[in-house]
Amino acid sequence: MNKLYRYKYIFLTVLVIAAALAAILGICVPYIMEESSNFQKLKGQRQLYELASKQEISADSLLSEYRDISGKINSLVRTSVSSSEILMMVHGKAAENNVNMIDLTTQESLKGDGRIEYPVSFKAVSEYTDFLRFIEALENEAFCISVNSIDMSGNGSGKITAAVRLAVLGGEQ
């Protein structure tokens, strides 16, 4: 015991240095990690900026791309469509995705500029994930669909009731 007592100041010094080192590392390491993360983000943004500044895109190529995209959109919008096709498509997608339709209606088509817009509204009950898959399936359909509004409410049993208004765009027949 006497031998250990002789070295007590050395042990206390080592203990104080270890505690101070632990405190410094506990404070500095999280700060260093955060700054390192910020540095990596800035480095990535700088690389993107350099890449974007090196690419020179002419106005003619942008105009050409715009015409291509507009042509593709117009080919979808000019698709001939009828209200019965729309109702069958919506009802079929609902059945595929376990969505129970409560009400499904179309209104008088709105015409203008060589295009027809069929307003569609419906109410449905389903699980939330099934409803999301249903809406995604509608948007991925061959028709050009614009979702105007979706109002959802839960009924406490894990199901939702949704009221949806959308428009199906088509060309005059």
Protein backbone atom coordinates (compact mmCIF):
# COMPACT_ATOMS: atom_id res chain seq x y z
CA MET A 1 0.00 0.00 0.00
CA ASN A 2 2.89 2.36 0.76
CA LYS A 3 4.25 1.94 -2.74
CA LEU A 4 0.95 2.99 -4.30
CA TYR A 5 0.64 5.92 -1.94
CA ARG A 6 3.94 7.25 -3.23
CA TYR A 7 2.57 7.40 -6.76
CA LYS A 8 -0.78 8.97 -5.89
CA TYR A 9 0.11 12.34 -7.44
CA ILE A 10 1.13 10.66 -10.67
CA PHE A 11 -2.17 8.73 -10.73
CA LEU A 12 -4.14 11.90 -9.97
CA THR A 13 -2.30 13.80 -12.69
CA VAL A 14 -3.00 11.07 -15.24
CA LEU A 15 -6.64 10.98 -14.12
CA VAL A 16 -7.04 14.79 -14.45
CA ILE A 17 -5.38 14.77 -17.89
CA ALA A 18 -7.66 11.92 -19.03
CA ALA A 19 -10.77 13.74 -17.74
CA ALA A 20 -9.71 16.99 -19.43
CA LEU A 21 -8.99 15.15 -22.68
CA ALA A 22 -12.38 13.41 -22.53
CA ALA A 23 -14.14 16.74 -21.93
CA ILE A 24 -12.30 18.43 -24.79
CA LEU A 25 -13.03 15.54 -27.16
CA GLY A 26 -16.67 15.42 -26.05
CA ILE A 27 -17.08 19.08 -26.98
CA CYS A 28 -14.84 19.35 -30.02
CA VAL A 29 -15.53 16.09 -31.86
CA PRO A 30 -19.24 16.77 -32.55
CA TYR A 31 -18.37 20.29 -33.71
CA ILE A 32 -15.61 18.96 -35.97
CA MET A 33 -17.97 16.32 -37.42
CA GLU A 34 -20.63 18.95 -38.15
CA GLU A 35 -18.13 21.26 -39.83
CA SER A 36 -16.77 18.34 -41.85
CA SER A 37 -20.28 17.55 -43.05
CA ASN A 38 -20.84 21.20 -44.03
CA PHE A 39 -17.53 21.21 -45.87
CA GLN A 40 -18.51 18.10 -47.85
CA LYS A 41 -21.84 19.71 -48.82
CA LEU A 42 -20.09 22.87 -49.98
CA LYS A 43 -17.57 20.82 -51.93
CA GLY A 44 -20.40 18.96 -53.69
CA GLN A 45 -22.20 22.20 -54.52
CA ARG A 46 -19.00 23.67 -55.92
CA GLN A 47 -18.51 20.62 -58.14
CA LEU A 48 -22.09 20.94 -59.43
CA TYR A 49 -21.56 24.64 -60.12
CA GLU A 50 -18.34 23.94 -62.02
CA LEU A 51 -20.05 21.20 -64.03
CA ALA A 52 -22.97 23.49 -64.89
CA SER A 53 -20.70 26.38 -65.84
CA LYS A 54 -18.64 24.18 -68.20
CA GLN A 55 -21.70 23.02 -70.13
CA GLU A 56 -22.70 25.48 -72.75
CA ILE A 57 -26.16 24.93 -74.13
CA SER A 58 -27.22 26.95 -77.12
CA ALA A 59 -30.61 28.59 -77.36
CA ASP A 60 -31.33 26.55 -80.49
CA SER A 61 -30.82 23.23 -78.68
CA LEU A 62 -33.07 24.39 -75.81
CA LEU A 63 -35.74 25.41 -78.32
CA SER A 64 -35.43 22.06 -80.07
CA GLU A 65 -35.84 20.19 -76.76
CA TYR A 66 -38.84 22.36 -75.91
CA ARG A 67 -40.49 21.51 -79.24
CA ASP A 68 -39.88 17.78 -78.69
CA ILE A 69 -41.39 17.88 -75.19
CA SER A 70 -44.33 20.01 -76.36
CA GLY A 71 -45.00 17.53 -79.17
CA LYS A 72 -45.07 14.63 -76.72
CA ILE A 73 -47.46 16.50 -74.42
CA ASN A 74 -49.73 17.43 -77.32
CA SER A 75 -49.84 13.82 -78.51
CA LEU A 76 -51.15 12.84 -75.07
CA VAL A 77 -53.60 15.72 -74.86
CA ARG A 78 -54.93 15.10 -78.37
CA THR A 79 -55.85 11.52 -77.49
CA SER A 80 -59.48 10.84 -78.30
CA VAL A 81 -61.40 10.06 -75.13
CA SER A 82 -65.02 9.59 -74.06
CA SER A 83 -66.71 9.88 -70.69
CA SER A 84 -67.55 6.17 -70.65
CA GLU A 85 -63.88 5.27 -71.22
CA ILE A 86 -62.91 7.54 -68.33
CA LEU A 87 -65.45 5.99 -65.97
CA MET A 88 -64.36 2.46 -66.90
CA MET A 89 -60.68 3.36 -66.49
CA VAL A 90 -61.18 4.95 -63.04
CA HIS A 91 -63.40 2.12 -61.86
CA GLY A 92 -60.92 -0.52 -63.14
CA LYS A 93 -57.92 1.13 -61.43
CA ALA A 94 -59.93 1.38 -58.21
CA ALA A 95 -60.69 -2.35 -58.30
CA GLU A 96 -57.03 -3.20 -59.02
CA ASN A 97 -55.88 -1.20 -55.98
CA ASN A 98 -58.54 -2.27 -53.42
CA VAL A 99 -60.26 1.11 -53.46
CA ASN A 100 -64.04 1.11 -52.90
CA MET A 101 -65.75 3.75 -55.00
CA ILE A 102 -68.69 5.45 -53.28
CA ASP A 103 -69.53 7.95 -55.99
CA LEU A 104 -68.06 8.39 -59.49
CA THR A 105 -69.31 11.02 -61.91
CA THR A 106 -68.21 12.98 -64.93
CA GLN A 107 -69.65 16.28 -65.97
CA GLU A 108 -70.35 17.90 -69.32
CA SER A 109 -67.14 18.20 -71.28
CA LEU A 110 -65.56 21.62 -71.57
CA LYS A 111 -64.38 22.44 -75.10
CA GLY A 112 -61.92 24.97 -76.32
CA ASP A 113 -58.93 25.38 -78.64
CA GLY A 114 -59.38 21.92 -80.17
CA ARG A 115 -59.21 20.23 -76.80
CA ILE A 116 -61.78 18.67 -74.53
CA GLU A 117 -61.61 18.55 -70.74
CA TYR A 118 -63.72 16.02 -68.86
CA PRO A 119 -64.16 16.99 -65.20
CA VAL A 120 -64.36 13.86 -63.02
CA SER A 121 -65.21 13.67 -59.34
CA PHE A 122 -65.46 10.71 -57.01
CA LYS A 123 -65.46 9.62 -53.41
CA ALA A 124 -63.59 6.53 -52.32
CA VAL A 125 -62.81 4.55 -49.17
CA SER A 126 -59.62 2.55 -48.74
CA GLU A 127 -56.40 2.16 -46.82
CA TYR A 128 -54.07 5.13 -47.26
CA THR A 129 -51.37 3.16 -49.12
CA ASP A 130 -53.94 1.59 -51.46
CA PHE A 131 -55.31 5.04 -52.24
CA LEU A 132 -51.82 6.37 -53.04
CA ARG A 133 -51.21 3.46 -55.42
CA PHE A 134 -54.61 4.12 -57.03
CA ILE A 135 -53.83 7.82 -57.66
CA GLU A 136 -50.39 6.91 -59.00
CA ALA A 137 -51.99 4.35 -61.34
CA LEU A 138 -54.38 7.03 -62.63
CA GLU A 139 -51.53 9.44 -63.25
CA ASN A 140 -49.56 6.76 -65.13
CA GLU A 141 -52.50 5.96 -67.40
CA ALA A 142 -52.37 6.76 -71.14
CA PHE A 143 -54.75 9.68 -70.65
CA CYS A 144 -53.50 13.13 -69.71
CA ILE A 145 -54.89 13.61 -66.18
CA SER A 146 -54.72 16.69 -64.00
CA VAL A 147 -55.60 16.17 -60.33
CA ASN A 148 -57.28 19.35 -59.10
CA SER A 149 -57.97 18.48 -55.47
CA ILE A 150 -57.94 15.64 -52.98
CA ASP A 151 -59.69 16.00 -49.64
CA MET A 152 -59.02 13.13 -47.22
CA SER A 153 -60.31 12.28 -43.78
CA GLY A 154 -59.66 9.29 -41.54
CA ASN A 155 -62.49 7.30 -40.04
CA GLY A 156 -60.58 5.79 -37.11
CA SER A 157 -60.52 2.24 -38.45
CA GLY A 158 -57.31 2.69 -40.46
CA LYS A 159 -59.20 3.63 -43.61
CA ILE A 160 -59.59 6.99 -45.26
CA THR A 161 -62.42 8.61 -47.16
CA ALA A 162 -61.23 10.74 -50.05
CA ALA A 163 -63.07 13.19 -52.29
CA VAL A 164 -61.18 13.76 -55.53
CA ARG A 165 -61.67 16.21 -58.38
CA LEU A 166 -59.63 15.71 -61.53
CA ALA A 167 -59.77 16.48 -65.22
CA VAL A 168 -59.03 14.22 -68.17
CA LEU A 169 -57.77 16.11 -71.21
CA GLY A 170 -58.34 14.91 -74.75
CA GLY A 171 -58.70 16.03 -78.32
CA GLU A 172 -61.95 16.77 -80.09
CA GLN A 173 -63.39 13.69 -81.77
